């Protein structure tokens, strides 16, 4: 795994990494207690999304970011939604980025 970008503030964690031959986006909303792992449908520049989030309080970072992803897995409390990726994959990815930090 090679981490390309990592952003964090009081609310969000956003990590973009190359893993298993694909680009992945990991996103955690600390306030909503949600996590998402996704594969963008086209190359994205996460810096652009993060900058907009920091500049505009009304900008919905996860809404905009995940419009550009076809495969994803999302968790919220006891709810899991898998669209082409599994919870197992999210957990493996999270374990790897925690080891790198």
N, C-alpha and C. Protein backbone atom coordinates (compact mmCIF):
# COMPACT_ATOMS: atom_id res chain seq x y z
N UNK A 1 0.83 -1.18 0.00
CA UNK A 1 0.00 0.00 0.00
C UNK A 1 0.88 1.24 0.00
N UNK A 2 0.48 2.20 -0.83
CA UNK A 2 1.18 3.48 -0.87
C UNK A 2 0.16 4.60 -0.66
N UNK A 3 0.28 5.31 0.45
CA UNK A 3 -0.62 6.42 0.73
C UNK A 3 -0.21 7.62 -0.11
N UNK A 4 -1.17 8.14 -0.86
CA UNK A 4 -0.92 9.30 -1.72
C UNK A 4 -1.26 10.60 -1.00
N UNK A 5 -2.37 10.62 -0.28
CA UNK A 5 -2.81 11.81 0.44
C UNK A 5 -3.49 11.39 1.74
N UNK A 6 -3.31 12.23 2.75
CA UNK A 6 -4.01 12.02 4.02
C UNK A 6 -4.38 13.39 4.56
N UNK A 7 -5.67 13.56 4.87
CA UNK A 7 -6.17 14.80 5.42
C UNK A 7 -6.98 14.48 6.66
N UNK A 8 -6.92 15.35 7.65
CA UNK A 8 -7.70 15.14 8.86
C UNK A 8 -7.99 16.48 9.51
N UNK A 9 -9.21 16.61 10.00
CA UNK A 9 -9.57 17.75 10.82
C UNK A 9 -10.43 17.25 11.96
N UNK A 10 -11.12 18.16 12.65
CA UNK A 10 -11.90 17.76 13.81
C UNK A 10 -13.08 16.84 13.45
N UNK A 11 -13.48 16.86 12.20
CA UNK A 11 -14.63 16.04 11.80
C UNK A 11 -14.28 14.84 10.92
N UNK A 12 -13.41 15.04 9.92
CA UNK A 12 -13.18 14.02 8.90
C UNK A 12 -11.75 13.50 8.86
N UNK A 13 -11.62 12.27 8.38
CA UNK A 13 -10.35 11.69 7.98
C UNK A 13 -10.54 11.26 6.53
N UNK A 14 -9.64 11.66 5.66
CA UNK A 14 -9.68 11.28 4.24
C UNK A 14 -8.30 10.76 3.86
N UNK A 15 -8.25 9.52 3.39
CA UNK A 15 -7.00 8.90 2.98
C UNK A 15 -7.17 8.36 1.57
N UNK A 16 -6.24 8.71 0.70
CA UNK A 16 -6.22 8.16 -0.66
C UNK A 16 -4.95 7.34 -0.80
N UNK A 17 -5.11 6.12 -1.30
CA UNK A 17 -3.96 5.22 -1.39
C UNK A 17 -4.09 4.28 -2.58
N UNK A 18 -2.94 3.87 -3.08
CA UNK A 18 -2.89 2.80 -4.08
C UNK A 18 -2.75 1.49 -3.32
N UNK A 19 -3.63 0.55 -3.63
CA UNK A 19 -3.66 -0.72 -2.92
C UNK A 19 -4.22 -1.77 -3.86
N UNK A 20 -3.56 -2.89 -3.93
CA UNK A 20 -4.00 -4.02 -4.75
C UNK A 20 -4.26 -3.60 -6.20
N UNK A 21 -3.46 -2.69 -6.71
CA UNK A 21 -3.55 -2.28 -8.11
C UNK A 21 -4.63 -1.26 -8.42
N UNK A 22 -5.28 -0.71 -7.41
CA UNK A 22 -6.33 0.29 -7.62
C UNK A 22 -6.12 1.47 -6.67
N UNK A 23 -6.77 2.57 -7.03
CA UNK A 23 -6.78 3.73 -6.13
C UNK A 23 -8.01 3.61 -5.24
N UNK A 24 -7.81 3.74 -3.95
CA UNK A 24 -8.88 3.66 -2.97
C UNK A 24 -8.99 4.95 -2.19
N UNK A 25 -10.20 5.25 -1.75
CA UNK A 25 -10.46 6.38 -0.87
C UNK A 25 -11.09 5.83 0.40
N UNK A 26 -10.47 6.17 1.53
CA UNK A 26 -11.04 5.84 2.83
C UNK A 26 -11.52 7.14 3.45
N UNK A 27 -12.72 7.13 3.99
CA UNK A 27 -13.31 8.34 4.55
C UNK A 27 -13.99 8.00 5.86
N UNK A 28 -13.70 8.79 6.89
CA UNK A 28 -14.35 8.60 8.18
C UNK A 28 -14.94 9.92 8.63
N UNK A 29 -16.20 9.88 9.03
CA UNK A 29 -16.86 11.03 9.63
C UNK A 29 -16.92 10.75 11.13
N UNK A 30 -16.12 11.48 11.89
CA UNK A 30 -16.02 11.23 13.32
C UNK A 30 -17.31 11.58 14.07
N UNK A 31 -18.02 12.60 13.62
CA UNK A 31 -19.24 13.03 14.29
C UNK A 31 -20.40 12.07 14.01
N UNK A 32 -20.51 11.60 12.78
CA UNK A 32 -21.59 10.69 12.40
C UNK A 32 -21.24 9.23 12.67
N UNK A 33 -19.97 8.99 13.01
CA UNK A 33 -19.47 7.63 13.25
C UNK A 33 -19.73 6.73 12.04
N UNK A 34 -19.32 7.22 10.87
CA UNK A 34 -19.45 6.45 9.64
C UNK A 34 -18.08 6.27 9.01
N UNK A 35 -17.95 5.21 8.24
CA UNK A 35 -16.73 4.95 7.48
C UNK A 35 -17.10 4.48 6.09
N UNK A 36 -16.28 4.86 5.12
CA UNK A 36 -16.51 4.45 3.74
C UNK A 36 -15.18 4.11 3.09
N UNK A 37 -15.17 3.06 2.30
CA UNK A 37 -14.05 2.73 1.44
C UNK A 37 -14.61 2.68 0.02
N UNK A 38 -13.93 3.36 -0.91
CA UNK A 38 -14.46 3.44 -2.27
C UNK A 38 -13.34 3.44 -3.29
N UNK A 39 -13.71 3.05 -4.51
CA UNK A 39 -12.80 3.12 -5.66
C UNK A 39 -13.38 4.16 -6.62
N UNK A 40 -12.65 5.25 -6.88
CA UNK A 40 -13.15 6.27 -7.81
C UNK A 40 -13.36 5.69 -9.21
N UNK A 41 -14.40 6.16 -9.88
CA UNK A 41 -14.67 5.70 -11.25
C UNK A 41 -13.74 6.36 -12.25
N UNK A 42 -13.09 7.46 -11.85
CA UNK A 42 -12.07 8.13 -12.67
C UNK A 42 -11.07 8.75 -11.71
N UNK A 43 -9.86 9.08 -12.16
CA UNK A 43 -8.88 9.67 -11.26
C UNK A 43 -9.41 10.97 -10.63
N UNK A 44 -9.21 11.09 -9.33
CA UNK A 44 -9.66 12.27 -8.58
C UNK A 44 -8.47 12.95 -7.92
N UNK A 45 -8.58 14.24 -7.72
CA UNK A 45 -7.59 14.98 -6.95
C UNK A 45 -8.21 15.31 -5.60
N UNK A 46 -7.92 14.53 -4.56
CA UNK A 46 -8.56 14.74 -3.27
C UNK A 46 -8.25 16.11 -2.66
N UNK A 47 -7.14 16.71 -3.07
CA UNK A 47 -6.80 18.05 -2.55
C UNK A 47 -7.87 19.06 -2.91
N UNK A 48 -8.44 18.93 -4.09
CA UNK A 48 -9.49 19.86 -4.54
C UNK A 48 -10.71 19.74 -3.64
N UNK A 49 -11.14 18.52 -3.36
CA UNK A 49 -12.30 18.29 -2.50
C UNK A 49 -12.04 18.80 -1.08
N UNK A 50 -10.84 18.50 -0.58
CA UNK A 50 -10.50 18.92 0.78
C UNK A 50 -10.45 20.45 0.88
N UNK A 51 -9.87 21.09 -0.11
CA UNK A 51 -9.79 22.56 -0.10
C UNK A 51 -11.19 23.17 -0.09
N UNK A 52 -12.08 22.65 -0.92
CA UNK A 52 -13.46 23.17 -0.95
C UNK A 52 -14.13 22.98 0.41
N UNK A 53 -13.89 21.84 1.03
CA UNK A 53 -14.45 21.57 2.36
C UNK A 53 -13.95 22.59 3.37
N UNK A 54 -12.70 22.94 3.32
CA UNK A 54 -12.12 23.89 4.29
C UNK A 54 -12.56 25.33 4.01
N UNK A 55 -12.83 25.65 2.76
CA UNK A 55 -13.19 27.03 2.39
C UNK A 55 -14.68 27.33 2.52
N UNK A 56 -15.53 26.32 2.42
CA UNK A 56 -16.97 26.55 2.35
C UNK A 56 -17.70 25.65 3.35
N UNK A 57 -18.26 26.24 4.39
CA UNK A 57 -18.94 25.46 5.43
C UNK A 57 -20.15 24.70 4.90
N UNK A 58 -20.76 25.17 3.82
CA UNK A 58 -21.94 24.51 3.29
C UNK A 58 -21.60 23.37 2.31
N UNK A 59 -20.33 23.21 1.97
CA UNK A 59 -19.89 22.17 1.04
C UNK A 59 -19.98 20.81 1.74
N UNK A 60 -20.62 19.86 1.09
CA UNK A 60 -20.75 18.51 1.65
C UNK A 60 -19.65 17.62 1.05
N UNK A 61 -18.57 17.49 1.77
CA UNK A 61 -17.42 16.72 1.28
C UNK A 61 -17.79 15.28 0.91
N UNK A 62 -18.43 14.51 1.79
CA UNK A 62 -18.74 13.13 1.40
C UNK A 62 -19.73 13.06 0.23
N UNK A 63 -20.69 13.96 0.19
CA UNK A 63 -21.66 13.96 -0.92
C UNK A 63 -20.95 14.11 -2.25
N UNK A 64 -20.09 15.11 -2.35
CA UNK A 64 -19.39 15.38 -3.60
C UNK A 64 -18.38 14.29 -3.94
N UNK A 65 -17.63 13.87 -2.95
CA UNK A 65 -16.58 12.88 -3.17
C UNK A 65 -17.14 11.55 -3.68
N UNK A 66 -18.19 11.06 -3.06
CA UNK A 66 -18.68 9.73 -3.40
C UNK A 66 -19.62 9.69 -4.59
N UNK A 67 -19.93 10.85 -5.15
CA UNK A 67 -20.63 10.88 -6.44
C UNK A 67 -19.73 10.33 -7.54
N UNK A 68 -18.41 10.37 -7.32
CA UNK A 68 -17.43 9.95 -8.31
C UNK A 68 -16.91 8.53 -8.09
N UNK A 69 -17.63 7.76 -7.27
CA UNK A 69 -17.19 6.40 -6.95
C UNK A 69 -18.32 5.41 -7.23
N UNK A 70 -18.00 4.36 -7.99
CA UNK A 70 -18.99 3.34 -8.29
C UNK A 70 -18.99 2.23 -7.25
N UNK A 71 -17.81 1.73 -6.91
CA UNK A 71 -17.69 0.66 -5.93
C UNK A 71 -17.40 1.26 -4.57
N UNK A 72 -18.19 0.85 -3.56
CA UNK A 72 -17.96 1.37 -2.22
C UNK A 72 -18.61 0.46 -1.18
N UNK A 73 -18.14 0.61 0.04
CA UNK A 73 -18.75 -0.03 1.21
C UNK A 73 -18.84 1.07 2.27
N UNK A 74 -20.02 1.16 2.91
CA UNK A 74 -20.25 2.19 3.91
C UNK A 74 -20.76 1.54 5.19
N UNK A 75 -20.33 2.08 6.32
CA UNK A 75 -20.82 1.60 7.61
C UNK A 75 -21.32 2.79 8.43
N UNK A 76 -22.36 2.55 9.18
CA UNK A 76 -22.91 3.54 10.11
C UNK A 76 -23.55 2.77 11.25
N UNK A 77 -23.00 2.91 12.43
CA UNK A 77 -23.47 2.16 13.59
C UNK A 77 -23.56 0.68 13.23
N UNK A 78 -24.74 0.10 13.22
CA UNK A 78 -24.88 -1.33 12.91
C UNK A 78 -25.36 -1.58 11.49
N UNK A 79 -25.24 -0.58 10.63
CA UNK A 79 -25.70 -0.71 9.25
C UNK A 79 -24.48 -0.81 8.33
N UNK A 80 -24.53 -1.74 7.39
CA UNK A 80 -23.46 -1.92 6.41
C UNK A 80 -24.09 -1.95 5.03
N UNK A 81 -23.55 -1.14 4.13
CA UNK A 81 -24.03 -1.14 2.76
C UNK A 81 -22.84 -1.45 1.86
N UNK A 82 -22.94 -2.51 1.08
CA UNK A 82 -21.86 -2.93 0.20
C UNK A 82 -22.29 -2.77 -1.25
N UNK A 83 -21.58 -1.91 -2.00
CA UNK A 83 -21.79 -1.71 -3.44
C UNK A 83 -20.50 -2.06 -4.16
N UNK A 84 -20.21 -3.30 -4.31
CA UNK A 84 -19.02 -3.74 -5.02
C UNK A 84 -17.78 -3.93 -4.16
N UNK A 85 -17.80 -3.45 -2.93
CA UNK A 85 -16.72 -3.69 -1.97
C UNK A 85 -17.33 -4.26 -0.71
N UNK A 86 -16.53 -5.02 0.05
CA UNK A 86 -17.05 -5.68 1.24
C UNK A 86 -16.53 -5.03 2.52
N UNK A 87 -17.24 -5.30 3.61
CA UNK A 87 -16.82 -4.83 4.92
C UNK A 87 -15.44 -5.39 5.26
N UNK A 88 -15.19 -6.63 4.88
CA UNK A 88 -13.88 -7.24 5.13
C UNK A 88 -12.76 -6.41 4.49
N UNK A 89 -12.99 -5.95 3.28
CA UNK A 89 -11.98 -5.14 2.58
C UNK A 89 -11.76 -3.81 3.29
N UNK A 90 -12.84 -3.18 3.75
CA UNK A 90 -12.73 -1.94 4.52
C UNK A 90 -11.89 -2.17 5.77
N UNK A 91 -12.17 -3.24 6.48
CA UNK A 91 -11.42 -3.53 7.71
C UNK A 91 -9.94 -3.81 7.43
N UNK A 92 -9.63 -4.53 6.35
CA UNK A 92 -8.22 -4.78 5.99
C UNK A 92 -7.52 -3.47 5.64
N UNK A 93 -8.17 -2.63 4.87
CA UNK A 93 -7.60 -1.33 4.48
C UNK A 93 -7.32 -0.49 5.72
N UNK A 94 -8.30 -0.42 6.60
CA UNK A 94 -8.17 0.38 7.83
C UNK A 94 -7.01 -0.13 8.69
N UNK A 95 -6.86 -1.44 8.80
CA UNK A 95 -5.75 -2.02 9.56
C UNK A 95 -4.41 -1.62 8.95
N UNK A 96 -4.32 -1.64 7.64
CA UNK A 96 -3.06 -1.27 6.98
C UNK A 96 -2.72 0.20 7.16
N UNK A 97 -3.69 1.09 7.04
CA UNK A 97 -3.37 2.51 7.21
C UNK A 97 -3.04 2.84 8.66
N UNK A 98 -3.62 2.11 9.60
CA UNK A 98 -3.29 2.33 11.01
C UNK A 98 -1.85 1.92 11.29
N UNK A 99 -1.37 0.89 10.63
CA UNK A 99 0.02 0.45 10.81
C UNK A 99 0.99 1.47 10.24
N UNK A 100 0.58 2.13 9.16
CA UNK A 100 1.46 3.12 8.50
C UNK A 100 1.55 4.39 9.33
N UNK A 101 0.42 4.78 9.95
CA UNK A 101 0.40 5.99 10.78
C UNK A 101 1.32 5.79 11.91
